[in-house]
C-alpha atoms as a PDB file:
ATOM      1  CA  MET A   1      -0.118   0.029  -0.329  1.00  0.00           C
ATOM      2  CA  THR A   2       1.048   3.078  -1.142  1.00  0.00           C
ATOM      3  CA  GLN A   3       0.442   6.037   1.119  1.00  0.00           C
ATOM      4  CA  THR A   4       0.497   9.893  -0.013  1.00  0.00           C
ATOM      5  CA  ALA A   5       1.428  13.237   2.128  1.00  0.00           C
ATOM      6  CA  ASP A   6       0.386  16.035   1.649  1.00  0.00           C
ATOM      7  CA  SER A   7       3.091  19.073   3.583  1.00  0.00           C
ATOM      8  CA  SER A   8       1.631  19.121   6.674  1.00  0.00           C
ATOM      9  CA  THR A   9       2.112  15.502   7.548  1.00  0.00           C
ATOM     10  CA  LEU A  10       6.066  15.376   6.043  1.00  0.00           C
ATOM     11  CA  LYS A  11       8.197  14.300   7.877  1.00  0.00           C
ATOM     12  CA  TYR A  12      11.243  17.389   8.674  1.00  0.00           C
ATOM     13  CA  GLY A  13      13.566  15.940   6.506  1.00  0.00           C
ATOM     14  CA  GLU A  14      11.650  15.707   3.714  1.00  0.00           C
ATOM     15  CA  ARG A  15      10.158  19.481   3.491  1.00  0.00           C
ATOM     16  CA  GLU A  16      14.001  20.279   3.504  1.00  0.00           C
ATOM     17  CA  ILE A  17      14.131  18.485   0.776  1.00  0.00           C
ATOM     18  CA  GLU A  18      10.820  19.577  -1.268  1.00  0.00           C
ATOM     19  CA  GLU A  19      12.404  23.425  -0.319  1.00  0.00           C
ATOM     20  CA  GLY A  20      15.862  21.905  -1.251  1.00  0.00           C
ATOM     21  CA  LYS A  21      17.486  25.202  -3.660  1.00  0.00           C
ATOM     22  CA  LEU A  22      21.239  25.674  -4.208  1.00  0.00           C
ATOM     23  CA  ILE A  23      22.600  28.450  -1.811  1.00  0.00           C
ATOM     24  CA  THR A  24      25.620  30.243  -2.110  1.00  0.00           C
ATOM     25  CA  PHE A  25      27.767  32.266   0.315  1.00  0.00           C
ATOM     26  CA  PRO A  26      30.664  34.791  -1.372  1.00  0.00           C
ATOM     27  CA  ASN A  27      34.004  33.027  -1.756  1.00  0.00           C
ATOM     28  CA  PRO A  28      36.388  33.464   0.273  1.00  0.00           C
ATOM     29  CA  ARG A  29      39.385  33.933  -2.058  1.00  0.00           C
ATOM     30  CA  ILE A  30      37.958  35.539  -4.565  1.00  0.00           C
ATOM     31  CA  GLY A  31      41.166  36.636  -7.937  1.00  0.00           C
ATOM     32  CA  ARG A  32      42.564  32.964  -6.544  1.00  0.00           C
ATOM     33  CA  TYR A  33      42.229  30.404  -9.035  1.00  0.00           C
ATOM     34  CA  TYR A  34      40.994  27.012  -7.139  1.00  0.00           C
ATOM     35  CA  THR A  35      39.258  24.054  -7.769  1.00  0.00           C
ATOM     36  CA  ILE A  36      36.007  22.688  -5.801  1.00  0.00           C
ATOM     37  CA  ASN A  37      35.703  18.616  -5.843  1.00  0.00           C
ATOM     38  CA  ILE A  38      31.952  17.037  -4.548  1.00  0.00           C
ATOM     39  CA  THR A  39      30.586  13.645  -5.603  1.00  0.00           C
ATOM     40  CA  LEU A  40      27.220  13.258  -4.686  1.00  0.00           C
ATOM     41  CA  PRO A  41      27.270   9.718  -4.583  1.00  0.00           C
ATOM     42  CA  GLU A  42      23.552   8.708  -3.366  1.00  0.00           C
ATOM     43  CA  PHE A  43      21.694  10.439  -7.104  1.00  0.00           C
ATOM     44  CA  THR A  44      18.705   8.668  -7.714  1.00  0.00           C
ATOM     45  CA  CYS A  45      15.755   9.348 -10.184  1.00  0.00           C
ATOM     46  CA  LYS A  46      13.292   7.687 -12.350  1.00  0.00           C
ATOM     47  CA  CYS A  47      13.456   6.110 -15.537  1.00  0.00           C
ATOM     48  CA  PRO A  48      11.002   8.441 -17.467  1.00  0.00           C
ATOM     49  CA  PHE A  49       9.761   4.915 -19.927  1.00  0.00           C
ATOM     50  CA  SER A  50      10.317   2.388 -17.608  1.00  0.00           C
ATOM     51  CA  GLY A  51      10.003   4.187 -14.323  1.00  0.00           C
ATOM     52  CA  TYR A  52      12.448   2.033 -12.868  1.00  0.00           C
ATOM     53  CA  PRO A  53      14.800   3.862 -10.214  1.00  0.00           C
ATOM     54  CA  ASP A  54      18.891   5.030 -11.557  1.00  0.00           C
ATOM     55  CA  PHE A  55      20.985   5.173  -9.342  1.00  0.00           C
ATOM     56  CA  ALA A  56      24.552   7.626  -9.787  1.00  0.00           C
ATOM     57  CA  THR A  57      27.475   8.994  -8.596  1.00  0.00           C
ATOM     58  CA  LEU A  58      27.663  12.568  -9.705  1.00  0.00           C
ATOM     59  CA  HIS A  59      31.058  14.272  -9.354  1.00  0.00           C
ATOM     60  CA  LEU A  60      31.232  17.598 -10.142  1.00  0.00           C
ATOM     61  CA  THR A  61      34.439  20.015 -10.050  1.00  0.00           C
ATOM     62  CA  TYR A  62      34.129  23.404 -10.822  1.00  0.00           C
ATOM     63  CA  VAL A  63      36.724  26.876 -10.582  1.00  0.00           C
ATOM     64  CA  PRO A  64      34.539  29.765  -8.136  1.00  0.00           C
ATOM     65  CA  ASN A  65      33.660  33.077  -9.401  1.00  0.00           C
ATOM     66  CA  GLU A  66      33.022  35.363  -6.578  1.00  0.00           C
ATOM     67  CA  LYS A  67      30.396  32.358  -5.310  1.00  0.00           C
ATOM     68  CA  VAL A  68      30.589  28.617  -3.263  1.00  0.00           C
ATOM     69  CA  VAL A  69      28.136  26.397  -3.219  1.00  0.00           C
ATOM     70  CA  GLU A  70      26.495  25.637   0.109  1.00  0.00           C
ATOM     71  CA  LEU A  71      27.308  21.219   0.507  1.00  0.00           C
ATOM     72  CA  LYS A  72      23.782  20.751   3.091  1.00  0.00           C
ATOM     73  CA  ALA A  73      22.252  22.583  -0.170  1.00  0.00           C
ATOM     74  CA  ILE A  74      23.314  20.933  -3.142  1.00  0.00           C
ATOM     75  CA  LYS A  75      22.661  17.711  -1.458  1.00  0.00           C
ATOM     76  CA  LEU A  76      19.505  18.839  -0.670  1.00  0.00           C
ATOM     77  CA  TYR A  77      18.908  20.076  -3.574  1.00  0.00           C
ATOM     78  CA  ILE A  78      20.099  17.013  -5.744  1.00  0.00           C
ATOM     79  CA  ASN A  79      17.797  14.581  -3.580  1.00  0.00           C
ATOM     80  CA  ARG A  80      14.474  16.697  -4.856  1.00  0.00           C
ATOM     81  CA  TYR A  81      15.072  14.296  -8.332  1.00  0.00           C
ATOM     82  CA  ARG A  82      15.119  10.903  -6.653  1.00  0.00           C
ATOM     83  CA  ASP A  83      10.803  10.561  -7.716  1.00  0.00           C
ATOM     84  CA  ARG A  84      11.736  12.591 -10.395  1.00  0.00           C
ATOM     85  CA  TYR A  85      10.557  10.717 -14.065  1.00  0.00           C
ATOM     86  CA  ILE A  86      13.655  11.921 -15.814  1.00  0.00           C
ATOM     87  CA  SER A  87      16.572  10.879 -18.483  1.00  0.00           C
ATOM     88  CA  HIS A  88      20.018  10.019 -17.922  1.00  0.00           C
ATOM     89  CA  GLU A  89      21.133  13.104 -20.003  1.00  0.00           C
ATOM     90  CA  GLU A  90      18.343  15.754 -19.228  1.00  0.00           C
ATOM     91  CA  SER A  91      18.627  14.974 -15.565  1.00  0.00           C
ATOM     92  CA  VAL A  92      22.929  16.114 -15.882  1.00  0.00           C
ATOM     93  CA  ASN A  93      22.772  18.580 -18.114  1.00  0.00           C
ATOM     94  CA  GLN A  94      20.192  20.314 -15.613  1.00  0.00           C
ATOM     95  CA  ILE A  95      21.849  20.552 -12.922  1.00  0.00           C
ATOM     96  CA  LEU A  96      24.092  22.130 -14.421  1.00  0.00           C
ATOM     97  CA  ASP A  97      22.391  24.430 -15.916  1.00  0.00           C
ATOM     98  CA  ASP A  98      20.121  25.112 -12.304  1.00  0.00           C
ATOM     99  CA  PHE A  99      24.162  24.528 -10.972  1.00  0.00           C
ATOM    100  CA  VAL A 100      25.356  27.403 -13.725  1.00  0.00           C
ATOM    101  CA  ALA A 101      22.453  29.593 -12.677  1.00  0.00           C
ATOM    102  CA  ALA A 102      23.321  29.917  -8.868  1.00  0.00           C
ATOM    103  CA  CYS A 103      26.717  30.055  -8.796  1.00  0.00           C
ATOM    104  CA  ASP A 104      27.969  31.475 -12.170  1.00  0.00           C
ATOM    105  CA  PRO A 105      31.535  29.627 -11.556  1.00  0.00           C
ATOM    106  CA  LEU A 106      34.185  30.341 -13.728  1.00  0.00           C
ATOM    107  CA  GLU A 107      34.330  26.759 -14.751  1.00  0.00           C
ATOM    108  CA  VAL A 108      32.264  23.426 -14.114  1.00  0.00           C
ATOM    109  CA  THR A 109      31.764  20.043 -15.192  1.00  0.00           C
ATOM    110  CA  LEU A 110      29.073  17.650 -13.734  1.00  0.00           C
ATOM    111  CA  LYS A 111      29.976  13.762 -14.507  1.00  0.00           C
ATOM    112  CA  GLY A 112      26.741  11.305 -13.781  1.00  0.00           C
ATOM    113  CA  ASP A 113      28.164   7.795 -13.420  1.00  0.00           C
ATOM    114  CA  PHE A 114      24.707   5.791 -13.449  1.00  0.00           C
ATOM    115  CA  ASN A 115      24.822   2.306 -12.309  1.00  0.00           C
ATOM    116  CA  PRO A 116      24.641  -0.461 -14.730  1.00  0.00           C
ATOM    117  CA  ARG A 117      20.289  -2.003 -15.512  1.00  0.00           C
ATOM    118  CA  GLY A 118      19.996  -4.293 -18.688  1.00  0.00           C
ATOM    119  CA  ASN A 119      23.518  -4.415 -19.089  1.00  0.00           C
ATOM    120  CA  VAL A 120      24.855  -0.621 -20.127  1.00  0.00           C
ATOM    121  CA  HIS A 121      26.484   1.779 -18.344  1.00  0.00           C
ATOM    122  CA  THR A 122      26.391   5.559 -18.420  1.00  0.00           C
ATOM    123  CA  VAL A 123      28.200   8.342 -17.946  1.00  0.00           C
ATOM    124  CA  VAL A 124      27.092  11.190 -18.788  1.00  0.00           C
ATOM    125  CA  GLU A 125      29.323  14.624 -18.770  1.00  0.00           C
ATOM    126  CA  VAL A 126      28.948  18.455 -19.365  1.00  0.00           C
ATOM    127  CA  HIS A 127      31.020  20.993 -18.933  1.00  0.00           C
ATOM    128  CA  HIS A 128      30.508  25.173 -18.648  1.00  0.00           C
ATOM    129  CA  LYS A 129      33.269  27.594 -19.483  1.00  0.00           C
ATOM    130  CA  LYS A 130      31.763  31.318 -18.544  1.00  0.00           C
ATOM    131  CA  ASP A 131      32.365  33.524 -21.305  1.00  0.00           C
ATOM    132  CA  ASN A 132      35.648  36.540 -20.311  1.00  0.00           C
END
């Protein structure tokens, strides 16, 4: 039996995920070229065709400009995908678009390494570089 919950009956973690958005803070070393690597090993979404769950490890590497992403915020934002019907390709591209909109990094690469399903292993990698 499946239960659906309205926002008043959601557990605190579900509420935080539902409200999750990418939050940033000022880069403490503006002008210094340095790389931040974030690994998110528990990414999940659902196949838009079968409804089966897809699991991936996301690897985010970026060179910050004026803003840095807050780690708890990116965790909550990523968890919003868990019940979303979206392809591997679209999920990685959408996450990159949202990250660029929030952080405006000098450079960023996002790699989605999806667990094999049906003898198929998919890796989607997208890049963005700020125009000078």
